[in-house]
Amino acid sequence: MVKYQASGIDRTFSALADPTRRHVLLRLKDEPGLSVSELARPFSLKLPGMMKHLDVLSDAGLITRTKAGRTVSVHLSVGPMREAMEWLKRYERFWTVSIDRLAALVEEDGER
């Protein structure tokens, strides 16, 4: 396997590929500043497993962690998401054209 240095956008998409990590990000969007224990609670994960997911999200720049005493709070960081959305928008015209064609076919079929 070829080894290469992953770019920021590679780390973002890699982090987003996992459903557990996507769920963590959704929770942080709705409930910023949750502790690691609070984030782990709905999953069948022990804290070390959750920490591995948080390490991946942190490495991608998607979260930040702050420590107050013994409690580590986790916050969403949107910068890498913006970069990923900008990258996806470059290809938006390809699926928009396909959707427009599908809509035209459906309308044409409905007129018959």
C-alpha atoms as a PDB file:
ATOM      1  CA  MET A   1       0.000   0.000   0.000  1.00  0.00           C
ATOM      2  CA  VAL A   2       1.258   3.456  -0.857  1.00  0.00           C
ATOM      3  CA  LYS A   3       1.750   5.713   2.137  1.00  0.00           C
ATOM      4  CA  TYR A   4       1.064   9.389   1.771  1.00  0.00           C
ATOM      5  CA  GLN A   5       0.465  12.375   3.994  1.00  0.00           C
ATOM      6  CA  ALA A   6      -3.297  12.842   4.261  1.00  0.00           C
ATOM      7  CA  SER A   7      -4.523  16.353   3.550  1.00  0.00           C
ATOM      8  CA  GLY A   8      -7.015  18.126   5.759  1.00  0.00           C
ATOM      9  CA  ILE A   9      -9.918  17.347   3.459  1.00  0.00           C
ATOM     10  CA  ASP A  10      -8.864  13.671   3.372  1.00  0.00           C
ATOM     11  CA  ARG A  11      -8.977  13.560   7.168  1.00  0.00           C
ATOM     12  CA  THR A  12     -12.376  15.291   7.153  1.00  0.00           C
ATOM     13  CA  PHE A  13     -13.982  12.830   4.750  1.00  0.00           C
ATOM     14  CA  SER A  14     -12.340   9.893   6.509  1.00  0.00           C
ATOM     15  CA  ALA A  15     -13.714  11.070   9.853  1.00  0.00           C
ATOM     16  CA  LEU A  16     -17.183  11.603   8.356  1.00  0.00           C
ATOM     17  CA  ALA A  17     -17.201   8.096   6.861  1.00  0.00           C
ATOM     18  CA  ASP A  18     -18.018   6.544  10.231  1.00  0.00           C
ATOM     19  CA  PRO A  19     -21.668   6.672  11.416  1.00  0.00           C
ATOM     20  CA  THR A  20     -20.694   6.920  15.096  1.00  0.00           C
ATOM     21  CA  ARG A  21     -18.572   9.989  14.415  1.00  0.00           C
ATOM     22  CA  ARG A  22     -21.340  11.580  12.328  1.00  0.00           C
ATOM     23  CA  HIS A  23     -23.761  10.999  15.198  1.00  0.00           C
ATOM     24  CA  VAL A  24     -21.312  12.605  17.644  1.00  0.00           C
ATOM     25  CA  LEU A  25     -21.125  15.689  15.402  1.00  0.00           C
ATOM     26  CA  LEU A  26     -24.926  15.887  15.209  1.00  0.00           C
ATOM     27  CA  ARG A  27     -25.186  15.729  18.990  1.00  0.00           C
ATOM     28  CA  LEU A  28     -22.577  18.454  19.363  1.00  0.00           C
ATOM     29  CA  LYS A  29     -24.486  20.640  16.926  1.00  0.00           C
ATOM     30  CA  ASP A  30     -27.580  20.387  19.116  1.00  0.00           C
ATOM     31  CA  GLU A  31     -25.809  20.168  22.488  1.00  0.00           C
ATOM     32  CA  PRO A  32     -22.439  21.963  22.378  1.00  0.00           C
ATOM     33  CA  GLY A  33     -20.001  21.326  25.203  1.00  0.00           C
ATOM     34  CA  LEU A  34     -21.047  17.789  26.119  1.00  0.00           C
ATOM     35  CA  SER A  35     -18.574  15.830  28.181  1.00  0.00           C
ATOM     36  CA  VAL A  36     -16.897  12.712  26.810  1.00  0.00           C
ATOM     37  CA  SER A  37     -19.019  10.587  29.166  1.00  0.00           C
ATOM     38  CA  GLU A  38     -22.226  12.252  27.947  1.00  0.00           C
ATOM     39  CA  LEU A  39     -21.213  11.658  24.327  1.00  0.00           C
ATOM     40  CA  ALA A  40     -20.425   7.979  24.977  1.00  0.00           C
ATOM     41  CA  ARG A  41     -23.663   7.263  26.881  1.00  0.00           C
ATOM     42  CA  PRO A  42     -26.025   6.525  23.904  1.00  0.00           C
ATOM     43  CA  PHE A  43     -23.526   4.160  22.275  1.00  0.00           C
ATOM     44  CA  SER A  44     -22.479   0.686  23.302  1.00  0.00           C
ATOM     45  CA  LEU A  45     -18.949   2.041  23.648  1.00  0.00           C
ATOM     46  CA  LYS A  46     -16.661   2.185  26.600  1.00  0.00           C
ATOM     47  CA  LEU A  47     -14.772   5.444  27.154  1.00  0.00           C
ATOM     48  CA  PRO A  48     -11.566   4.252  25.406  1.00  0.00           C
ATOM     49  CA  GLY A  49     -13.600   3.489  22.271  1.00  0.00           C
ATOM     50  CA  MET A  50     -15.240   6.901  22.355  1.00  0.00           C
ATOM     51  CA  MET A  51     -11.843   8.521  22.880  1.00  0.00           C
ATOM     52  CA  LYS A  52     -10.571   6.877  19.674  1.00  0.00           C
ATOM     53  CA  HIS A  53     -13.493   8.364  17.744  1.00  0.00           C
ATOM     54  CA  LEU A  54     -12.878  11.764  19.316  1.00  0.00           C
ATOM     55  CA  ASP A  55      -9.175  11.533  18.433  1.00  0.00           C
ATOM     56  CA  VAL A  56     -10.093  11.012  14.765  1.00  0.00           C
ATOM     57  CA  LEU A  57     -12.525  13.939  14.855  1.00  0.00           C
ATOM     58  CA  SER A  58      -9.951  16.098  16.590  1.00  0.00           C
ATOM     59  CA  ASP A  59      -7.221  15.145  14.111  1.00  0.00           C
ATOM     60  CA  ALA A  60      -9.569  16.211  11.298  1.00  0.00           C
ATOM     61  CA  GLY A  61     -10.173  19.513  13.101  1.00  0.00           C
ATOM     62  CA  LEU A  62     -13.905  18.802  13.420  1.00  0.00           C
ATOM     63  CA  ILE A  63     -13.957  19.138  17.209  1.00  0.00           C
ATOM     64  CA  THR A  64     -12.071  20.897  19.975  1.00  0.00           C
ATOM     65  CA  ARG A  65     -11.754  19.705  23.553  1.00  0.00           C
ATOM     66  CA  THR A  66     -11.365  21.763  26.700  1.00  0.00           C
ATOM     67  CA  LYS A  67     -10.663  20.501  30.183  1.00  0.00           C
ATOM     68  CA  ALA A  68     -12.104  21.973  33.373  1.00  0.00           C
ATOM     69  CA  GLY A  69     -10.947  19.966  36.372  1.00  0.00           C
ATOM     70  CA  ARG A  70     -11.557  16.331  35.491  1.00  0.00           C
ATOM     71  CA  THR A  71     -14.242  17.036  32.883  1.00  0.00           C
ATOM     72  CA  VAL A  72     -13.382  17.234  29.189  1.00  0.00           C
ATOM     73  CA  SER A  73     -15.957  19.174  27.157  1.00  0.00           C
ATOM     74  CA  VAL A  74     -16.224  18.732  23.411  1.00  0.00           C
ATOM     75  CA  HIS A  75     -17.223  21.432  20.915  1.00  0.00           C
ATOM     76  CA  LEU A  76     -17.927  21.345  17.198  1.00  0.00           C
ATOM     77  CA  SER A  77     -15.490  23.112  14.888  1.00  0.00           C
ATOM     78  CA  VAL A  78     -17.029  23.979  11.513  1.00  0.00           C
ATOM     79  CA  GLY A  79     -13.990  25.059   9.476  1.00  0.00           C
ATOM     80  CA  PRO A  80     -13.200  21.654   7.954  1.00  0.00           C
ATOM     81  CA  MET A  81     -16.889  21.142   7.121  1.00  0.00           C
ATOM     82  CA  ARG A  82     -16.898  24.378   5.150  1.00  0.00           C
ATOM     83  CA  GLU A  83     -13.878  23.206   3.176  1.00  0.00           C
ATOM     84  CA  ALA A  84     -15.596  19.866   2.447  1.00  0.00           C
ATOM     85  CA  MET A  85     -18.778  21.647   1.314  1.00  0.00           C
ATOM     86  CA  GLU A  86     -16.795  23.908  -1.000  1.00  0.00           C
ATOM     87  CA  TRP A  87     -15.158  20.828  -2.512  1.00  0.00           C
ATOM     88  CA  LEU A  88     -18.540  19.112  -2.997  1.00  0.00           C
ATOM     89  CA  LYS A  89     -20.077  22.234  -4.571  1.00  0.00           C
ATOM     90  CA  ARG A  90     -17.597  21.944  -7.437  1.00  0.00           C
ATOM     91  CA  TYR A  91     -19.397  18.750  -8.442  1.00  0.00           C
ATOM     92  CA  GLU A  92     -22.945  19.861  -7.668  1.00  0.00           C
ATOM     93  CA  ARG A  93     -23.710  20.608 -11.305  1.00  0.00           C
ATOM     94  CA  PHE A  94     -23.279  16.929 -12.180  1.00  0.00           C
ATOM     95  CA  TRP A  95     -26.054  15.718  -9.906  1.00  0.00           C
ATOM     96  CA  THR A  96     -28.196  18.820 -10.493  1.00  0.00           C
ATOM     97  CA  VAL A  97     -28.248  18.076 -14.225  1.00  0.00           C
ATOM     98  CA  SER A  98     -29.213  14.464 -13.525  1.00  0.00           C
ATOM     99  CA  ILE A  99     -32.010  15.524 -11.175  1.00  0.00           C
ATOM    100  CA  ASP A 100     -33.281  18.043 -13.732  1.00  0.00           C
ATOM    101  CA  ARG A 101     -33.329  15.306 -16.394  1.00  0.00           C
ATOM    102  CA  LEU A 102     -35.204  12.961 -14.059  1.00  0.00           C
ATOM    103  CA  ALA A 103     -37.789  15.654 -13.263  1.00  0.00           C
ATOM    104  CA  ALA A 104     -38.290  16.311 -16.975  1.00  0.00           C
ATOM    105  CA  LEU A 105     -38.809  12.586 -17.636  1.00  0.00           C
ATOM    106  CA  VAL A 106     -41.323  12.301 -14.816  1.00  0.00           C
ATOM    107  CA  GLU A 107     -43.231  15.341 -16.069  1.00  0.00           C
ATOM    108  CA  GLU A 108     -43.170  13.998 -19.634  1.00  0.00           C
ATOM    109  CA  ASP A 109     -44.411  10.603 -18.462  1.00  0.00           C
ATOM    110  CA  GLY A 110     -47.192  12.260 -16.433  1.00  0.00           C
ATOM    111  CA  GLU A 111     -48.443  14.133 -19.514  1.00  0.00           C
ATOM    112  CA  ARG A 112     -48.966  10.894 -21.448  1.00  0.00           C
END
